[in-house]
Amino acid sequence: MPPLSPVPDIAVVKSDRLSEVDGPLPGPPDWLIEIRSPDQSTLDLQNKILHCLSNGTQLAWLIDIQRQQIWVWENQELPLVYAVTDILPTLGNISDLTVEAVIAMTQQR
């Protein structure tokens, strides 16, 4: 990625891209997840996501706990907003994951 390499809250990388040697990941994550806190600018987070998408990220989520919704970008498409019982798009073998379940996971201690 270019000099600006934003670090997401959660980065998911396909196993075939991982190296046996520790070090930085070459390129962006395949799937990035941002969790918006009340004091964060949604616009700043969206810009971070768009930067990663333009550099190869395939899937991005922006979790908004306060609004109980998740914004989802796939490749470079416009985002779709998912709520409560909507099933989210994922990468890999994860299926039937709802907004409600993801938000519940963020609130576990």
PDB file of N, CA and C in Angstrom:
ATOM      1  N   MET A   1       0.840  -1.185   0.000  1.00  0.00           N
ATOM      2  CA  MET A   1       0.000   0.000   0.000  1.00  0.00           C
ATOM      3  C   MET A   1       0.882   1.244   0.000  1.00  0.00           C
ATOM      4  N   PRO A   2       0.330   2.367  -0.434  1.00  0.00           N
ATOM      5  CA  PRO A   2       1.081   3.625  -0.429  1.00  0.00           C
ATOM      6  C   PRO A   2       1.482   4.038   0.979  1.00  0.00           C
ATOM      7  N   PRO A   3       2.234   5.137   1.108  1.00  0.00           N
ATOM      8  CA  PRO A   3       2.748   5.558   2.414  1.00  0.00           C
ATOM      9  C   PRO A   3       1.691   5.632   3.512  1.00  0.00           C
ATOM     10  N   LEU A   4       0.478   6.109   3.179  1.00  0.00           N
ATOM     11  CA  LEU A   4      -0.592   6.140   4.168  1.00  0.00           C
ATOM     12  C   LEU A   4      -1.123   4.721   4.302  1.00  0.00           C
ATOM     13  N   SER A   5      -0.852   4.065   5.405  1.00  0.00           N
ATOM     14  CA  SER A   5      -1.321   2.694   5.616  1.00  0.00           C
ATOM     15  C   SER A   5      -2.163   2.648   6.877  1.00  0.00           C
ATOM     16  N   PRO A   6      -3.443   2.991   6.763  1.00  0.00           N
ATOM     17  CA  PRO A   6      -4.292   2.995   7.945  1.00  0.00           C
ATOM     18  C   PRO A   6      -4.441   1.595   8.524  1.00  0.00           C
ATOM     19  N   VAL A   7      -4.526   1.530   9.821  1.00  0.00           N
ATOM     20  CA  VAL A   7      -4.677   0.251  10.515  1.00  0.00           C
ATOM     21  C   VAL A   7      -6.122   0.139  10.999  1.00  0.00           C
ATOM     22  N   PRO A   8      -6.870  -0.864  10.514  1.00  0.00           N
ATOM     23  CA  PRO A   8      -8.259  -1.015  10.943  1.00  0.00           C
ATOM     24  C   PRO A   8      -8.348  -1.604  12.348  1.00  0.00           C
ATOM     25  N   ASP A   9      -9.538  -1.512  12.940  1.00  0.00           N
ATOM     26  CA  ASP A   9      -9.755  -2.137  14.248  1.00  0.00           C
ATOM     27  C   ASP A   9      -9.534  -3.646  14.151  1.00  0.00           C
ATOM     28  N   ILE A  10     -10.053  -4.243  13.082  1.00  0.00           N
ATOM     29  CA  ILE A  10      -9.881  -5.683  12.850  1.00  0.00           C
ATOM     30  C   ILE A  10      -9.497  -5.882  11.390  1.00  0.00           C
ATOM     31  N   ALA A  11      -8.451  -6.657  11.154  1.00  0.00           N
ATOM     32  CA  ALA A  11      -8.021  -6.984   9.793  1.00  0.00           C
ATOM     33  C   ALA A  11      -8.112  -8.492   9.609  1.00  0.00           C
ATOM     34  N   VAL A  12      -8.780  -8.915   8.550  1.00  0.00           N
ATOM     35  CA  VAL A  12      -8.897 -10.334   8.233  1.00  0.00           C
ATOM     36  C   VAL A  12      -8.114 -10.572   6.946  1.00  0.00           C
ATOM     37  N   VAL A  13      -7.244 -11.580   6.991  1.00  0.00           N
ATOM     38  CA  VAL A  13      -6.363 -11.868   5.861  1.00  0.00           C
ATOM     39  C   VAL A  13      -6.486 -13.347   5.510  1.00  0.00           C
ATOM     40  N   LYS A  14      -6.589 -13.633   4.234  1.00  0.00           N
ATOM     41  CA  LYS A  14      -6.646 -15.029   3.792  1.00  0.00           C
ATOM     42  C   LYS A  14      -5.340 -15.723   4.155  1.00  0.00           C
ATOM     43  N   SER A  15      -5.440 -16.973   4.569  1.00  0.00           N
ATOM     44  CA  SER A  15      -4.269 -17.703   5.071  1.00  0.00           C
ATOM     45  C   SER A  15      -3.155 -17.826   4.035  1.00  0.00           C
ATOM     46  N   ASP A  16      -3.496 -17.883   2.763  1.00  0.00           N
ATOM     47  CA  ASP A  16      -2.436 -18.028   1.754  1.00  0.00           C
ATOM     48  C   ASP A  16      -1.594 -16.763   1.591  1.00  0.00           C
ATOM     49  N   ARG A  17      -2.007 -15.667   2.215  1.00  0.00           N
ATOM     50  CA  ARG A  17      -1.220 -14.428   2.168  1.00  0.00           C
ATOM     51  C   ARG A  17      -0.298 -14.284   3.372  1.00  0.00           C
ATOM     52  N   LEU A  18      -0.447 -15.156   4.345  1.00  0.00           N
ATOM     53  CA  LEU A  18       0.366 -15.057   5.554  1.00  0.00           C
ATOM     54  C   LEU A  18       1.722 -15.706   5.338  1.00  0.00           C
ATOM     55  N   SER A  19       2.721 -15.142   5.976  1.00  0.00           N
ATOM     56  CA  SER A  19       4.084 -15.648   5.872  1.00  0.00           C
ATOM     57  C   SER A  19       4.441 -16.371   7.166  1.00  0.00           C
ATOM     58  N   GLU A  20       5.392 -17.270   7.087  1.00  0.00           N
ATOM     59  CA  GLU A  20       5.867 -17.945   8.294  1.00  0.00           C
ATOM     60  C   GLU A  20       6.783 -17.040   9.104  1.00  0.00           C
ATOM     61  N   VAL A  21       7.217 -15.955   8.506  1.00  0.00           N
ATOM     62  CA  VAL A  21       8.104 -15.000   9.164  1.00  0.00           C
ATOM     63  C   VAL A  21       7.269 -13.822   9.651  1.00  0.00           C
ATOM     64  N   ASP A  22       7.485 -13.420  10.917  1.00  0.00           N
ATOM     65  CA  ASP A  22       6.776 -12.257  11.436  1.00  0.00           C
ATOM     66  C   ASP A  22       7.179 -11.009  10.668  1.00  0.00           C
ATOM     67  N   GLY A  23       6.236 -10.126  10.524  1.00  0.00           N
ATOM     68  CA  GLY A  23       6.518  -8.863   9.851  1.00  0.00           C
ATOM     69  C   GLY A  23       5.237  -8.251   9.344  1.00  0.00           C
ATOM     70  N   PRO A  24       5.363  -7.078   8.755  1.00  0.00           N
ATOM     71  CA  PRO A  24       4.163  -6.409   8.261  1.00  0.00           C
ATOM     72  C   PRO A  24       3.517  -7.170   7.104  1.00  0.00           C
ATOM     73  N   LEU A  25       2.228  -7.041   7.010  1.00  0.00           N
ATOM     74  CA  LEU A  25       1.471  -7.665   5.933  1.00  0.00           C
ATOM     75  C   LEU A  25       1.705  -6.882   4.643  1.00  0.00           C
ATOM     76  N   PRO A  26       2.072  -7.565   3.574  1.00  0.00           N
ATOM     77  CA  PRO A  26       2.215  -6.843   2.308  1.00  0.00           C
ATOM     78  C   PRO A  26       0.827  -6.542   1.731  1.00  0.00           C
ATOM     79  N   GLY A  27       0.506  -5.283   1.595  1.00  0.00           N
ATOM     80  CA  GLY A  27      -0.786  -4.895   1.036  1.00  0.00           C
ATOM     81  C   GLY A  27      -1.867  -4.787   2.094  1.00  0.00           C
ATOM     82  N   PRO A  28      -3.060  -4.440   1.658  1.00  0.00           N
ATOM     83  CA  PRO A  28      -4.163  -4.222   2.592  1.00  0.00           C
ATOM     84  C   PRO A  28      -4.792  -5.539   3.039  1.00  0.00           C
ATOM     85  N   PRO A  29      -5.586  -5.505   4.116  1.00  0.00           N
ATOM     86  CA  PRO A  29      -6.298  -6.719   4.522  1.00  0.00           C
ATOM     87  C   PRO A  29      -7.354  -7.072   3.474  1.00  0.00           C
ATOM     88  N   ASP A  30      -7.726  -8.340   3.410  1.00  0.00           N
ATOM     89  CA  ASP A  30      -8.784  -8.759   2.490  1.00  0.00           C
ATOM     90  C   ASP A  30     -10.141  -8.231   2.964  1.00  0.00           C
ATOM     91  N   TRP A  31     -10.307  -8.186   4.285  1.00  0.00           N
ATOM     92  CA  TRP A  31     -11.564  -7.743   4.888  1.00  0.00           C
ATOM     93  C   TRP A  31     -11.177  -6.887   6.079  1.00  0.00           C
ATOM     94  N   LEU A  32     -11.696  -5.675   6.124  1.00  0.00           N
ATOM     95  CA  LEU A  32     -11.400  -4.833   7.282  1.00  0.00           C
ATOM     96  C   LEU A  32     -12.685  -4.479   8.000  1.00  0.00           C
ATOM     97  N   ILE A  33     -12.554  -4.329   9.305  1.00  0.00           N
ATOM     98  CA  ILE A  33     -13.702  -4.009  10.148  1.00  0.00           C
ATOM     99  C   ILE A  33     -13.338  -2.822  11.025  1.00  0.00           C
ATOM    100  N   GLU A  34     -14.163  -1.797  10.960  1.00  0.00           N
ATOM    101  CA  GLU A  34     -14.027  -0.625  11.821  1.00  0.00           C
ATOM    102  C   GLU A  34     -15.228  -0.581  12.756  1.00  0.00           C
ATOM    103  N   ILE A  35     -14.978  -0.264  14.016  1.00  0.00           N
ATOM    104  CA  ILE A  35     -16.050  -0.105  14.998  1.00  0.00           C
ATOM    105  C   ILE A  35     -16.075   1.363  15.389  1.00  0.00           C
ATOM    106  N   ARG A  36     -17.165   2.033  15.047  1.00  0.00           N
ATOM    107  CA  ARG A  36     -17.271   3.473  15.297  1.00  0.00           C
ATOM    108  C   ARG A  36     -17.575   3.729  16.766  1.00  0.00           C
ATOM    109  N   SER A  37     -16.718   4.535  17.396  1.00  0.00           N
ATOM    110  CA  SER A  37     -16.995   4.969  18.769  1.00  0.00           C
ATOM    111  C   SER A  37     -17.703   6.321  18.684  1.00  0.00           C
ATOM    112  N   PRO A  38     -18.423   6.711  19.738  1.00  0.00           N
ATOM    113  CA  PRO A  38     -19.228   7.937  19.683  1.00  0.00           C
ATOM    114  C   PRO A  38     -18.451   9.192  19.298  1.00  0.00           C
ATOM    115  N   ASP A  39     -17.174   9.257  19.638  1.00  0.00           N
ATOM    116  CA  ASP A  39     -16.406  10.472  19.339  1.00  0.00           C
ATOM    117  C   ASP A  39     -15.696  10.427  17.980  1.00  0.00           C
ATOM    118  N   GLN A  40     -15.874   9.352  17.219  1.00  0.00           N
ATOM    119  CA  GLN A  40     -15.208   9.241  15.921  1.00  0.00           C
ATOM    120  C   GLN A  40     -16.073   9.809  14.804  1.00  0.00           C
ATOM    121  N   SER A  41     -15.414  10.425  13.849  1.00  0.00           N
ATOM    122  CA  SER A  41     -16.096  10.957  12.671  1.00  0.00           C
ATOM    123  C   SER A  41     -16.379   9.817  11.692  1.00  0.00           C
ATOM    124  N   THR A  42     -17.640   9.675  11.310  1.00  0.00           N
ATOM    125  CA  THR A  42     -17.997   8.662  10.323  1.00  0.00           C
ATOM    126  C   THR A  42     -17.283   8.937   9.004  1.00  0.00           C
ATOM    127  N   LEU A  43     -17.154  10.205   8.652  1.00  0.00           N
ATOM    128  CA  LEU A  43     -16.482  10.581   7.405  1.00  0.00           C
ATOM    129  C   LEU A  43     -15.018  10.142   7.410  1.00  0.00           C
ATOM    130  N   ASP A  44     -14.317  10.331   8.536  1.00  0.00           N
ATOM    131  CA  ASP A  44     -12.918   9.891   8.631  1.00  0.00           C
ATOM    132  C   ASP A  44     -12.810   8.379   8.461  1.00  0.00           C
ATOM    133  N   LEU A  45     -13.714   7.643   9.094  1.00  0.00           N
ATOM    134  CA  LEU A  45     -13.688   6.183   8.982  1.00  0.00           C
ATOM    135  C   LEU A  45     -13.994   5.748   7.550  1.00  0.00           C
ATOM    136  N   GLN A  46     -14.954   6.408   6.914  1.00  0.00           N
ATOM    137  CA  GLN A  46     -15.276   6.077   5.526  1.00  0.00           C
ATOM    138  C   GLN A  46     -14.083   6.350   4.608  1.00  0.00           C
ATOM    139  N   ASN A  47     -13.384   7.444   4.836  1.00  0.00           N
ATOM    140  CA  ASN A  47     -12.194   7.744   4.025  1.00  0.00           C
ATOM    141  C   ASN A  47     -11.124   6.673   4.203  1.00  0.00           C
ATOM    142  N   LYS A  48     -10.945   6.206   5.423  1.00  0.00           N
ATOM    143  CA  LYS A  48      -9.982   5.133   5.711  1.00  0.00           C
ATOM    144  C   LYS A  48     -10.376   3.864   4.947  1.00  0.00           C
ATOM    145  N   ILE A  49     -11.673   3.544   4.990  1.00  0.00           N
ATOM    146  CA  ILE A  49     -12.183   2.359   4.298  1.00  0.00           C
ATOM    147  C   ILE A  49     -11.996   2.504   2.788  1.00  0.00           C
ATOM    148  N   LEU A  50     -12.357   3.656   2.242  1.00  0.00           N
ATOM    149  CA  LEU A  50     -12.225   3.874   0.798  1.00  0.00           C
ATOM    150  C   LEU A  50     -10.769   3.778   0.346  1.00  0.00           C
ATOM    151  N   HIS A  51      -9.857   4.261   1.182  1.00  0.00           N
ATOM    152  CA  HIS A  51      -8.427   4.141   0.869  1.00  0.00           C
ATOM    153  C   HIS A  51      -8.035   2.665   0.746  1.00  0.00           C
ATOM    154  N   CYS A  52      -8.458   1.862   1.705  1.00  0.00           N
ATOM    155  CA  CYS A  52      -8.114   0.431   1.670  1.00  0.00           C
ATOM    156  C   CYS A  52      -8.772  -0.265   0.481  1.00  0.00           C
ATOM    157  N   LEU A  53     -10.039   0.058   0.202  1.00  0.00           N
ATOM    158  CA  LEU A  53     -10.727  -0.546  -0.942  1.00  0.00           C
ATOM    159  C   LEU A  53     -10.020  -0.212  -2.254  1.00  0.00           C
ATOM    160  N   SER A  54      -9.536   1.013  -2.372  1.00  0.00           N
ATOM    161  CA  SER A  54      -8.855   1.406  -3.610  1.00  0.00           C
ATOM    162  C   SER A  54      -7.487   0.737  -3.747  1.00  0.00           C
ATOM    163  N   ASN A  55      -7.017   0.124  -2.663  1.00  0.00           N
ATOM    164  CA  ASN A  55      -5.720  -0.566  -2.695  1.00  0.00           C
ATOM    165  C   ASN A  55      -5.846  -2.078  -2.612  1.00  0.00           C
ATOM    166  N   GLY A  56      -7.073  -2.615  -2.757  1.00  0.00           N
ATOM    167  CA  GLY A  56      -7.214  -4.061  -2.848  1.00  0.00           C
ATOM    168  C   GLY A  56      -8.073  -4.751  -1.810  1.00  0.00           C
ATOM    169  N   THR A  57      -8.521  -4.063  -0.780  1.00  0.00           N
ATOM    170  CA  THR A  57      -9.424  -4.690   0.192  1.00  0.00           C
ATOM    171  C   THR A  57     -10.705  -5.092  -0.535  1.00  0.00           C
ATOM    172  N   GLN A  58     -11.205  -6.306  -0.241  1.00  0.00           N
ATOM    173  CA  GLN A  58     -12.388  -6.826  -0.931  1.00  0.00           C
ATOM    174  C   GLN A  58     -13.689  -6.519  -0.201  1.00  0.00           C
ATOM    175  N   LEU A  59     -13.625  -6.459   1.127  1.00  0.00           N
ATOM    176  CA  LEU A  59     -14.831  -6.294   1.936  1.00  0.00           C
ATOM    177  C   LEU A  59     -14.506  -5.414   3.125  1.00  0.00           C
ATOM    178  N   ALA A  60     -15.410  -4.483   3.430  1.00  0.00           N
ATOM    179  CA  ALA A  60     -15.206  -3.606   4.587  1.00  0.00           C
ATOM    180  C   ALA A  60     -16.525  -3.423   5.322  1.00  0.00           C
ATOM    181  N   TRP A  61     -16.430  -3.452   6.644  1.00  0.00           N
ATOM    182  CA  TRP A  61     -17.587  -3.189   7.503  1.00  0.00           C
ATOM    183  C   TRP A  61     -17.287  -1.966   8.349  1.00  0.00           C
ATOM    184  N   LEU A  62     -18.289  -1.135   8.539  1.00  0.00           N
ATOM    185  CA  LEU A  62     -18.241  -0.052   9.514  1.00  0.00           C
ATOM    186  C   LEU A  62     -19.390  -0.311  10.477  1.00  0.00           C
ATOM    187  N   ILE A  63     -19.046  -0.741  11.686  1.00  0.00           N
ATOM    188  CA  ILE A  63     -20.051  -1.092  12.694  1.00  0.00           C
ATOM    189  C   ILE A  63     -20.405   0.157  13.485  1.00  0.00           C
ATOM    190  N   ASP A  64     -21.685   0.500  13.481  1.00  0.00           N
ATOM    191  CA  ASP A  64     -22.184   1.645  14.244  1.00  0.00           C
ATOM    192  C   ASP A  64     -23.090   1.098  15.345  1.00  0.00           C
ATOM    193  N   ILE A  65     -22.514   0.939  16.522  1.00  0.00           N
ATOM    194  CA  ILE A  65     -23.233   0.331  17.639  1.00  0.00           C
ATOM    195  C   ILE A  65     -24.407   1.198  18.067  1.00  0.00           C
ATOM    196  N   GLN A  66     -24.213   2.508  18.110  1.00  0.00           N
ATOM    197  CA  GLN A  66     -25.287   3.403  18.547  1.00  0.00           C
ATOM    198  C   GLN A  66     -26.521   3.295  17.657  1.00  0.00           C
ATOM    199  N   ARG A  67     -26.315   3.196  16.362  1.00  0.00           N
ATOM    200  CA  ARG A  67     -27.450   3.117  15.427  1.00  0.00           C
ATOM    201  C   ARG A  67     -27.887   1.675  15.160  1.00  0.00           C
ATOM    202  N   GLN A  68     -27.148   0.704  15.724  1.00  0.00           N
ATOM    203  CA  GLN A  68     -27.457  -0.712  15.542  1.00  0.00           C
ATOM    204  C   GLN A  68     -27.483  -1.088  14.051  1.00  0.00           C
ATOM    205  N   GLN A  69     -26.443  -0.635  13.323  1.00  0.00           N
ATOM    206  CA  GLN A  69     -26.355  -0.958  11.906  1.00  0.00           C
ATOM    207  C   GLN A  69     -24.898  -1.122  11.487  1.00  0.00           C
ATOM    208  N   ILE A  70     -24.728  -1.784  10.360  1.00  0.00           N
ATOM    209  CA  ILE A  70     -23.392  -1.990   9.803  1.00  0.00           C
ATOM    210  C   ILE A  70     -23.419  -1.575   8.338  1.00  0.00           C
ATOM    211  N   TRP A  71     -22.498  -0.686   7.989  1.00  0.00           N
ATOM    212  CA  TRP A  71     -22.316  -0.275   6.601  1.00  0.00           C
ATOM    213  C   TRP A  71     -21.344  -1.266   5.981  1.00  0.00           C
ATOM    214  N   VAL A  72     -21.649  -1.729   4.780  1.00  0.00           N
ATOM    215  CA  VAL A  72     -20.817  -2.742   4.131  1.00  0.00           C
ATOM    216  C   VAL A  72     -20.446  -2.293   2.718  1.00  0.00           C
ATOM    217  N   TRP A  73     -19.139  -2.339   2.449  1.00  0.00           N
ATOM    218  CA  TRP A  73     -18.614  -2.084   1.109  1.00  0.00           C
ATOM    219  C   TRP A  73     -18.062  -3.400   0.580  1.00  0.00           C
ATOM    220  N   GLU A  74     -18.421  -3.757  -0.640  1.00  0.00           N
ATOM    221  CA  GLU A  74     -17.827  -4.917  -1.304  1.00  0.00           C
ATOM    222  C   GLU A  74     -17.093  -4.411  -2.537  1.00  0.00           C
ATOM    223  N   ASN A  75     -15.819  -4.741  -2.606  1.00  0.00           N
ATOM    224  CA  ASN A  75     -14.937  -4.237  -3.656  1.00  0.00           C
ATOM    225  C   ASN A  75     -15.038  -2.718  -3.670  1.00  0.00           C
ATOM    226  N   GLN A  76     -15.374  -2.112  -4.779  1.00  0.00           N
ATOM    227  CA  GLN A  76     -15.449  -0.646  -4.787  1.00  0.00           C
ATOM    228  C   GLN A  76     -16.873  -0.162  -5.031  1.00  0.00           C
ATOM    229  N   GLU A  77     -17.849  -0.983  -4.666  1.00  0.00           N
ATOM    230  CA  GLU A  77     -19.255  -0.601  -4.796  1.00  0.00           C
ATOM    231  C   GLU A  77     -19.627   0.403  -3.711  1.00  0.00           C
ATOM    232  N   LEU A  78     -20.747   1.103  -3.905  1.00  0.00           N
ATOM    233  CA  LEU A  78     -21.262   1.981  -2.858  1.00  0.00           C
ATOM    234  C   LEU A  78     -21.682   1.131  -1.664  1.00  0.00           C
ATOM    235  N   PRO A  79     -21.629   1.689  -0.456  1.00  0.00           N
ATOM    236  CA  PRO A  79     -21.975   0.881   0.716  1.00  0.00           C
ATOM    237  C   PRO A  79     -23.470   0.595   0.804  1.00  0.00           C
ATOM    238  N   LEU A  80     -23.770  -0.549   1.397  1.00  0.00           N
ATOM    239  CA  LEU A  80     -25.141  -0.905   1.752  1.00  0.00           C
ATOM    240  C   LEU A  80     -25.218  -0.878   3.269  1.00  0.00           C
ATOM    241  N   VAL A  81     -26.367  -0.489   3.800  1.00  0.00           N
ATOM    242  CA  VAL A  81     -26.541  -0.427   5.250  1.00  0.00           C
ATOM    243  C   VAL A  81     -27.416  -1.599   5.676  1.00  0.00           C
ATOM    244  N   TYR A  82     -26.898  -2.381   6.621  1.00  0.00           N
ATOM    245  CA  TYR A  82     -27.597  -3.553   7.144  1.00  0.00           C
ATOM    246  C   TYR A  82     -28.033  -3.277   8.579  1.00  0.00           C
ATOM    247  N   ALA A  83     -29.205  -3.821   8.962  1.00  0.00           N
ATOM    248  CA  ALA A  83     -29.727  -3.603  10.311  1.00  0.00           C
ATOM    249  C   ALA A  83     -30.244  -4.909  10.912  1.00  0.00           C
ATOM    250  N   VAL A  84     -30.232  -4.973  12.211  1.00  0.00           N
ATOM    251  CA  VAL A  84     -30.737  -6.021  13.100  1.00  0.00           C
ATOM    252  C   VAL A  84     -30.641  -7.445  12.560  1.00  0.00           C
ATOM    253  N   THR A  85     -31.663  -7.946  11.872  1.00  0.00           N
ATOM    254  CA  THR A  85     -31.676  -9.359  11.478  1.00  0.00           C
ATOM    255  C   THR A  85     -31.112  -9.599  10.076  1.00  0.00           C
ATOM    256  N   ASP A  86     -30.624  -8.546   9.424  1.00  0.00           N
ATOM    257  CA  ASP A  86     -30.031  -8.726   8.095  1.00  0.00           C
ATOM    258  C   ASP A  86     -28.793  -9.615   8.196  1.00  0.00           C
ATOM    259  N   ILE A  87     -28.637 -10.502   7.224  1.00  0.00           N
ATOM    260  CA  ILE A  87     -27.454 -11.367   7.159  1.00  0.00           C
ATOM    261  C   ILE A  87     -26.374 -10.637   6.371  1.00  0.00           C
ATOM    262  N   LEU A  88     -25.194 -10.578   6.966  1.00  0.00           N
ATOM    263  CA  LEU A  88     -24.082  -9.798   6.415  1.00  0.00           C
ATOM    264  C   LEU A  88     -23.244 -10.598   5.422  1.00  0.00           C
ATOM    265  N   PRO A  89     -22.727  -9.930   4.395  1.00  0.00           N
ATOM    266  CA  PRO A  89     -21.758 -10.592   3.518  1.00  0.00           C
ATOM    267  C   PRO A  89     -20.431 -10.749   4.262  1.00  0.00           C
ATOM    268  N   THR A  90     -19.770 -11.871   4.042  1.00  0.00           N
ATOM    269  CA  THR A  90     -18.492 -12.159   4.698  1.00  0.00           C
ATOM    270  C   THR A  90     -17.548 -12.786   3.674  1.00  0.00           C
ATOM    271  N   LEU A  91     -16.323 -13.015   4.095  1.00  0.00           N
ATOM    272  CA  LEU A  91     -15.366 -13.768   3.286  1.00  0.00           C
ATOM    273  C   LEU A  91     -15.115 -15.094   3.994  1.00  0.00           C
ATOM    274  N   GLY A  92     -14.834 -16.123   3.247  1.00  0.00           N
ATOM    275  CA  GLY A  92     -14.504 -17.408   3.858  1.00  0.00           C
ATOM    276  C   GLY A  92     -15.737 -18.219   4.213  1.00  0.00           C
ATOM    277  N   ASN A  93     -15.602 -19.023   5.261  1.00  0.00           N
ATOM    278  CA  ASN A  93     -16.639 -19.987   5.636  1.00  0.00           C
ATOM    279  C   ASN A  93     -17.611 -19.479   6.686  1.00  0.00           C
ATOM    280  N   ILE A  94     -17.751 -18.188   6.828  1.00  0.00           N
ATOM    281  CA  ILE A  94     -18.658 -17.633   7.828  1.00  0.00           C
ATOM    282  C   ILE A  94     -19.998 -17.405   7.147  1.00  0.00           C
ATOM    283  N   SER A  95     -21.063 -17.956   7.730  1.00  0.00           N
ATOM    284  CA  SER A  95     -22.377 -17.764   7.113  1.00  0.00           C
ATOM    285  C   SER A  95     -23.417 -17.405   8.167  1.00  0.00           C
ATOM    286  N   ASP A  96     -24.504 -16.836   7.709  1.00  0.00           N
ATOM    287  CA  ASP A  96     -25.649 -16.485   8.562  1.00  0.00           C
ATOM    288  C   ASP A  96     -25.280 -15.604   9.745  1.00  0.00           C
ATOM    289  N   LEU A  97     -24.381 -14.676   9.536  1.00  0.00           N
ATOM    290  CA  LEU A  97     -23.977 -13.741  10.585  1.00  0.00           C
ATOM    291  C   LEU A  97     -24.836 -12.486  10.449  1.00  0.00           C
ATOM    292  N   THR A  98     -25.589 -12.172  11.504  1.00  0.00           N
ATOM    293  CA  THR A  98     -26.494 -11.024  11.457  1.00  0.00           C
ATOM    294  C   THR A  98     -25.874  -9.812  12.141  1.00  0.00           C
ATOM    295  N   VAL A  99     -26.432  -8.649  11.847  1.00  0.00           N
ATOM    296  CA  VAL A  99     -26.007  -7.409  12.496  1.00  0.00           C
ATOM    297  C   VAL A  99     -26.178  -7.547  14.005  1.00  0.00           C
ATOM    298  N   GLU A 100     -27.305  -8.065  14.415  1.00  0.00           N
ATOM    299  CA  GLU A 100     -27.599  -8.246  15.843  1.00  0.00           C
ATOM    300  C   GLU A 100     -26.516  -9.088  16.530  1.00  0.00           C
ATOM    301  N   ALA A 101     -26.095 -10.175  15.889  1.00  0.00           N
ATOM    302  CA  ALA A 101     -25.069 -11.050  16.467  1.00  0.00           C
ATOM    303  C   ALA A 101     -23.720 -10.339  16.549  1.00  0.00           C
ATOM    304  N   VAL A 102     -23.365  -9.583  15.509  1.00  0.00           N
ATOM    305  CA  VAL A 102     -22.085  -8.868  15.505  1.00  0.00           C
ATOM    306  C   VAL A 102     -22.074  -7.809  16.598  1.00  0.00           C
ATOM    307  N   ILE A 103     -23.143  -7.048  16.720  1.00  0.00           N
ATOM    308  CA  ILE A 103     -23.199  -6.006  17.748  1.00  0.00           C
ATOM    309  C   ILE A 103     -23.158  -6.630  19.136  1.00  0.00           C
ATOM    310  N   ALA A 104     -23.800  -7.763  19.323  1.00  0.00           N
ATOM    311  CA  ALA A 104     -23.735  -8.461  20.615  1.00  0.00           C
ATOM    312  C   ALA A 104     -22.295  -8.871  20.925  1.00  0.00           C
ATOM    313  N   MET A 105     -21.539  -9.303  19.910  1.00  0.00           N
ATOM    314  CA  MET A 105     -20.138  -9.688  20.123  1.00  0.00           C
ATOM    315  C   MET A 105     -19.293  -8.498  20.562  1.00  0.00           C
ATOM    316  N   THR A 106     -19.591  -7.314  20.042  1.00  0.00           N
ATOM    317  CA  THR A 106     -18.798  -6.135  20.411  1.00  0.00           C
ATOM    318  C   THR A 106     -19.060  -5.709  21.844  1.00  0.00           C
ATOM    319  N   GLN A 107     -20.163  -6.160  22.414  1.00  0.00           N
ATOM    320  CA  GLN A 107     -20.530  -5.738  23.760  1.00  0.00           C
ATOM    321  C   GLN A 107     -20.193  -6.778  24.818  1.00  0.00           C
ATOM    322  N   GLN A 108     -19.617  -7.910  24.414  1.00  0.00           N
ATOM    323  CA  GLN A 108     -19.219  -8.936  25.378  1.00  0.00           C
ATOM    324  C   GLN A 108     -17.971  -8.499  26.109  1.00  0.00           C
ATOM    325  N   ARG A 109     -17.853  -8.927  27.336  1.00  0.00           N
ATOM    326  CA  ARG A 109     -16.661  -8.588  28.129  1.00  0.00           C
ATOM    327  C   ARG A 109     -15.911  -9.818  28.495  1.00  0.00           C
TER     328      ARG A 109
END
